[in-house]
Amino acid sequence: METTSELESLLEKINRFRIVITPTGKYLSQYDDYKEVTFRIFNNKYTLYIYDEYNDLSTENPPMSLLLVLWELESYVENDDYLTWCDDCMFDPADMTVRNYHMGLRTVYPEIKQLMNDNVEPDVSSFDFHFGAGATSQVRAYKANKS
């Protein structure tokens, strides 16, 4: 299988920044589609919650896990207002666990961005990501095709 430049970019980020993403089996409050991961970059470790509607988070497919993390960070940045972010993610804004997580992202996001030399763009177009098309399908298939 020929790799796309998007897949190659994700793999390059994983190697350059020594990224390891490990699902913990926990969730953000009552939201089962928002899975907790330990996001390791260099020697720094962060707890993030990642929307994973299709159960793509896996230690067997690091590029897909990184893509999900980057899109989740993008969602945070695009919705800088807490209520807008809650609406976009379908969270109850009164949920204090969600509120505390959002407040923590104010510190976590800039740290991750700095560690990645401002290279936190998801690498895959919004269309491809949201419809599972193009580069996303290749990234999703990566684990089946690696040797």
C-alpha atoms as a PDB file:
ATOM      1  CA  MET A   1       0.000   0.000   0.000  1.00  0.00           C
ATOM      2  CA  GLU A   2       1.350   3.387  -0.955  1.00  0.00           C
ATOM      3  CA  THR A   3       1.373   5.836   1.938  1.00  0.00           C
ATOM      4  CA  THR A   4      -0.083   9.309   1.637  1.00  0.00           C
ATOM      5  CA  SER A   5       1.816  12.425   2.599  1.00  0.00           C
ATOM      6  CA  GLU A   6      -0.698  12.863   5.447  1.00  0.00           C
ATOM      7  CA  LEU A   7       0.151   9.441   6.866  1.00  0.00           C
ATOM      8  CA  GLU A   8       3.858  10.110   6.429  1.00  0.00           C
ATOM      9  CA  SER A   9       3.481  13.447   8.244  1.00  0.00           C
ATOM     10  CA  LEU A  10       1.729  11.784  11.194  1.00  0.00           C
ATOM     11  CA  LEU A  11       4.419   9.093  11.378  1.00  0.00           C
ATOM     12  CA  GLU A  12       7.113  11.761  11.225  1.00  0.00           C
ATOM     13  CA  LYS A  13       5.498  13.654  14.131  1.00  0.00           C
ATOM     14  CA  ILE A  14       5.308  10.459  16.182  1.00  0.00           C
ATOM     15  CA  ASN A  15       9.002   9.780  15.645  1.00  0.00           C
ATOM     16  CA  ARG A  16      10.302  13.345  15.912  1.00  0.00           C
ATOM     17  CA  PHE A  17       8.383  14.207  19.084  1.00  0.00           C
ATOM     18  CA  ARG A  18       8.529  10.661  20.552  1.00  0.00           C
ATOM     19  CA  ILE A  19       4.744  10.539  20.887  1.00  0.00           C
ATOM     20  CA  VAL A  20       3.017   7.625  22.578  1.00  0.00           C
ATOM     21  CA  ILE A  21      -0.756   7.562  23.016  1.00  0.00           C
ATOM     22  CA  THR A  22      -2.247   4.997  25.377  1.00  0.00           C
ATOM     23  CA  PRO A  23      -5.985   4.550  25.979  1.00  0.00           C
ATOM     24  CA  THR A  24      -6.704   4.117  29.696  1.00  0.00           C
ATOM     25  CA  GLY A  25     -10.175   2.583  29.503  1.00  0.00           C
ATOM     26  CA  LYS A  26     -11.735   5.581  31.274  1.00  0.00           C
ATOM     27  CA  TYR A  27     -14.132   8.221  29.969  1.00  0.00           C
ATOM     28  CA  LEU A  28     -14.882  11.899  30.426  1.00  0.00           C
ATOM     29  CA  SER A  29     -17.684  11.925  32.967  1.00  0.00           C
ATOM     30  CA  GLN A  30     -20.769  10.251  31.454  1.00  0.00           C
ATOM     31  CA  TYR A  31     -19.603  10.605  27.836  1.00  0.00           C
ATOM     32  CA  ASP A  32     -18.607   7.127  26.623  1.00  0.00           C
ATOM     33  CA  ASP A  33     -17.406   8.397  23.233  1.00  0.00           C
ATOM     34  CA  TYR A  34     -14.850  10.681  24.942  1.00  0.00           C
ATOM     35  CA  LYS A  35     -12.100   8.276  25.903  1.00  0.00           C
ATOM     36  CA  GLU A  36      -9.247   9.086  28.226  1.00  0.00           C
ATOM     37  CA  VAL A  37      -5.742   8.692  26.851  1.00  0.00           C
ATOM     38  CA  THR A  38      -2.309   9.262  28.212  1.00  0.00           C
ATOM     39  CA  PHE A  39      -0.547  11.454  25.667  1.00  0.00           C
ATOM     40  CA  ARG A  40       3.209  11.288  25.996  1.00  0.00           C
ATOM     41  CA  ILE A  41       5.428  13.689  24.090  1.00  0.00           C
ATOM     42  CA  PHE A  42       9.136  13.470  24.836  1.00  0.00           C
ATOM     43  CA  ASN A  43       9.137  12.961  28.621  1.00  0.00           C
ATOM     44  CA  ASN A  44       5.930  14.932  29.222  1.00  0.00           C
ATOM     45  CA  LYS A  45       2.688  13.157  29.997  1.00  0.00           C
ATOM     46  CA  TYR A  46      -0.836  14.558  29.653  1.00  0.00           C
ATOM     47  CA  THR A  47      -4.313  13.189  30.212  1.00  0.00           C
ATOM     48  CA  LEU A  48      -6.611  14.020  27.305  1.00  0.00           C
ATOM     49  CA  TYR A  49     -10.146  13.008  26.368  1.00  0.00           C
ATOM     50  CA  ILE A  50     -10.612  12.081  22.746  1.00  0.00           C
ATOM     51  CA  TYR A  51     -13.851  11.700  20.809  1.00  0.00           C
ATOM     52  CA  ASP A  52     -13.715   8.190  19.375  1.00  0.00           C
ATOM     53  CA  GLU A  53     -17.022   7.385  17.719  1.00  0.00           C
ATOM     54  CA  TYR A  54     -15.572   4.522  15.642  1.00  0.00           C
ATOM     55  CA  ASN A  55     -13.269   2.926  18.252  1.00  0.00           C
ATOM     56  CA  ASP A  56     -10.140   3.953  16.367  1.00  0.00           C
ATOM     57  CA  LEU A  57      -7.981   4.679  19.415  1.00  0.00           C
ATOM     58  CA  SER A  58      -5.422   1.921  19.607  1.00  0.00           C
ATOM     59  CA  THR A  59      -1.821   1.376  20.531  1.00  0.00           C
ATOM     60  CA  GLU A  60      -1.681  -0.697  17.328  1.00  0.00           C
ATOM     61  CA  ASN A  61      -2.351   2.335  15.122  1.00  0.00           C
ATOM     62  CA  PRO A  62      -0.372   5.314  16.446  1.00  0.00           C
ATOM     63  CA  PRO A  63      -1.027   7.538  13.384  1.00  0.00           C
ATOM     64  CA  MET A  64      -4.806   7.193  13.787  1.00  0.00           C
ATOM     65  CA  SER A  65      -4.572   7.865  17.520  1.00  0.00           C
ATOM     66  CA  LEU A  66      -2.463  10.960  16.868  1.00  0.00           C
ATOM     67  CA  LEU A  67      -4.922  12.149  14.232  1.00  0.00           C
ATOM     68  CA  LEU A  68      -7.759  11.867  16.766  1.00  0.00           C
ATOM     69  CA  VAL A  69      -5.738  13.774  19.361  1.00  0.00           C
ATOM     70  CA  LEU A  70      -4.885  16.550  16.899  1.00  0.00           C
ATOM     71  CA  TRP A  71      -8.509  16.922  15.811  1.00  0.00           C
ATOM     72  CA  GLU A  72      -9.602  17.076  19.450  1.00  0.00           C
ATOM     73  CA  LEU A  73      -7.056  19.820  20.135  1.00  0.00           C
ATOM     74  CA  GLU A  74      -8.254  21.608  16.989  1.00  0.00           C
ATOM     75  CA  SER A  75     -11.821  21.463  18.309  1.00  0.00           C
ATOM     76  CA  TYR A  76     -10.680  23.091  21.547  1.00  0.00           C
ATOM     77  CA  VAL A  77      -8.865  25.897  19.697  1.00  0.00           C
ATOM     78  CA  GLU A  78     -11.732  26.573  17.278  1.00  0.00           C
ATOM     79  CA  ASN A  79     -14.214  26.863  20.136  1.00  0.00           C
ATOM     80  CA  ASP A  80     -12.448  29.141  22.580  1.00  0.00           C
ATOM     81  CA  ASP A  81     -15.669  29.895  24.439  1.00  0.00           C
ATOM     82  CA  TYR A  82     -16.635  27.211  26.979  1.00  0.00           C
ATOM     83  CA  LEU A  83     -20.343  27.183  26.104  1.00  0.00           C
ATOM     84  CA  THR A  84     -19.602  26.999  22.376  1.00  0.00           C
ATOM     85  CA  TRP A  85     -17.164  24.133  22.988  1.00  0.00           C
ATOM     86  CA  CYS A  86     -19.766  22.296  25.096  1.00  0.00           C
ATOM     87  CA  ASP A  87     -22.383  22.796  22.403  1.00  0.00           C
ATOM     88  CA  ASP A  88     -20.008  21.548  19.690  1.00  0.00           C
ATOM     89  CA  CYS A  89     -19.031  18.481  21.745  1.00  0.00           C
ATOM     90  CA  MET A  90     -22.585  17.930  23.061  1.00  0.00           C
ATOM     91  CA  PHE A  91     -21.497  18.306  26.707  1.00  0.00           C
ATOM     92  CA  ASP A  92     -23.667  19.523  29.539  1.00  0.00           C
ATOM     93  CA  PRO A  93     -21.978  22.824  30.496  1.00  0.00           C
ATOM     94  CA  ALA A  94     -23.093  22.291  34.115  1.00  0.00           C
ATOM     95  CA  ASP A  95     -20.950  19.117  34.372  1.00  0.00           C
ATOM     96  CA  MET A  96     -18.060  20.179  36.612  1.00  0.00           C
ATOM     97  CA  THR A  97     -15.812  17.365  35.360  1.00  0.00           C
ATOM     98  CA  VAL A  98     -16.145  18.749  31.837  1.00  0.00           C
ATOM     99  CA  ARG A  99     -15.647  22.306  33.088  1.00  0.00           C
ATOM    100  CA  ASN A 100     -12.467  21.389  34.957  1.00  0.00           C
ATOM    101  CA  TYR A 101     -11.108  19.516  31.940  1.00  0.00           C
ATOM    102  CA  HIS A 102     -11.747  22.512  29.690  1.00  0.00           C
ATOM    103  CA  MET A 103     -10.018  24.820  32.150  1.00  0.00           C
ATOM    104  CA  GLY A 104      -7.043  22.446  32.230  1.00  0.00           C
ATOM    105  CA  LEU A 105      -6.772  22.564  28.445  1.00  0.00           C
ATOM    106  CA  ARG A 106      -5.920  26.260  28.761  1.00  0.00           C
ATOM    107  CA  THR A 107      -2.556  25.175  30.129  1.00  0.00           C
ATOM    108  CA  VAL A 108      -2.147  21.818  28.398  1.00  0.00           C
ATOM    109  CA  TYR A 109      -2.785  22.972  24.826  1.00  0.00           C
ATOM    110  CA  PRO A 110      -0.068  25.678  24.759  1.00  0.00           C
ATOM    111  CA  GLU A 111       2.418  23.252  26.322  1.00  0.00           C
ATOM    112  CA  ILE A 112       1.725  20.589  23.696  1.00  0.00           C
ATOM    113  CA  LYS A 113       1.829  23.189  20.933  1.00  0.00           C
ATOM    114  CA  GLN A 114       5.218  24.419  22.127  1.00  0.00           C
ATOM    115  CA  LEU A 115       6.619  20.883  22.451  1.00  0.00           C
ATOM    116  CA  MET A 116       5.494  20.180  18.877  1.00  0.00           C
ATOM    117  CA  ASN A 117       7.065  23.409  17.574  1.00  0.00           C
ATOM    118  CA  ASP A 118       3.597  24.800  16.754  1.00  0.00           C
ATOM    119  CA  ASN A 119       3.017  21.815  14.454  1.00  0.00           C
ATOM    120  CA  VAL A 120      -0.352  20.722  15.867  1.00  0.00           C
ATOM    121  CA  GLU A 121      -2.386  20.784  12.663  1.00  0.00           C
ATOM    122  CA  PRO A 122      -4.278  17.532  12.058  1.00  0.00           C
ATOM    123  CA  ASP A 123      -2.630  16.845   8.622  1.00  0.00           C
ATOM    124  CA  VAL A 124      -5.890  15.489   7.192  1.00  0.00           C
ATOM    125  CA  SER A 125      -8.590  17.704   5.713  1.00  0.00           C
ATOM    126  CA  SER A 126     -11.754  18.255   7.690  1.00  0.00           C
ATOM    127  CA  PHE A 127     -13.787  16.634   4.899  1.00  0.00           C
ATOM    128  CA  ASP A 128     -11.628  13.500   4.834  1.00  0.00           C
ATOM    129  CA  PHE A 129     -11.619  13.268   8.613  1.00  0.00           C
ATOM    130  CA  HIS A 130     -15.335  13.744   9.189  1.00  0.00           C
ATOM    131  CA  PHE A 131     -16.378  11.447   6.343  1.00  0.00           C
ATOM    132  CA  GLY A 132     -13.633   8.848   6.779  1.00  0.00           C
ATOM    133  CA  ALA A 133     -12.536   9.442   3.203  1.00  0.00           C
ATOM    134  CA  GLY A 134      -9.214   9.864   1.415  1.00  0.00           C
ATOM    135  CA  ALA A 135      -6.239  10.094   3.740  1.00  0.00           C
ATOM    136  CA  THR A 136      -8.327   9.145   6.778  1.00  0.00           C
ATOM    137  CA  SER A 137      -9.136   5.748   5.293  1.00  0.00           C
ATOM    138  CA  GLN A 138      -5.423   5.156   4.665  1.00  0.00           C
ATOM    139  CA  VAL A 139      -4.493   6.217   8.182  1.00  0.00           C
ATOM    140  CA  ARG A 140      -7.252   3.983   9.596  1.00  0.00           C
ATOM    141  CA  ALA A 141      -5.932   1.027   7.564  1.00  0.00           C
ATOM    142  CA  TYR A 142      -2.324   1.602   8.639  1.00  0.00           C
ATOM    143  CA  LYS A 143      -2.224  -1.056  11.357  1.00  0.00           C
ATOM    144  CA  ALA A 144      -3.369  -3.732   8.920  1.00  0.00           C
ATOM    145  CA  ASN A 145      -0.675  -2.828   6.435  1.00  0.00           C
ATOM    146  CA  LYS A 146       2.421  -2.229   8.521  1.00  0.00           C
ATOM    147  CA  SER A 147       5.084  -4.856   8.554  1.00  0.00           C
END
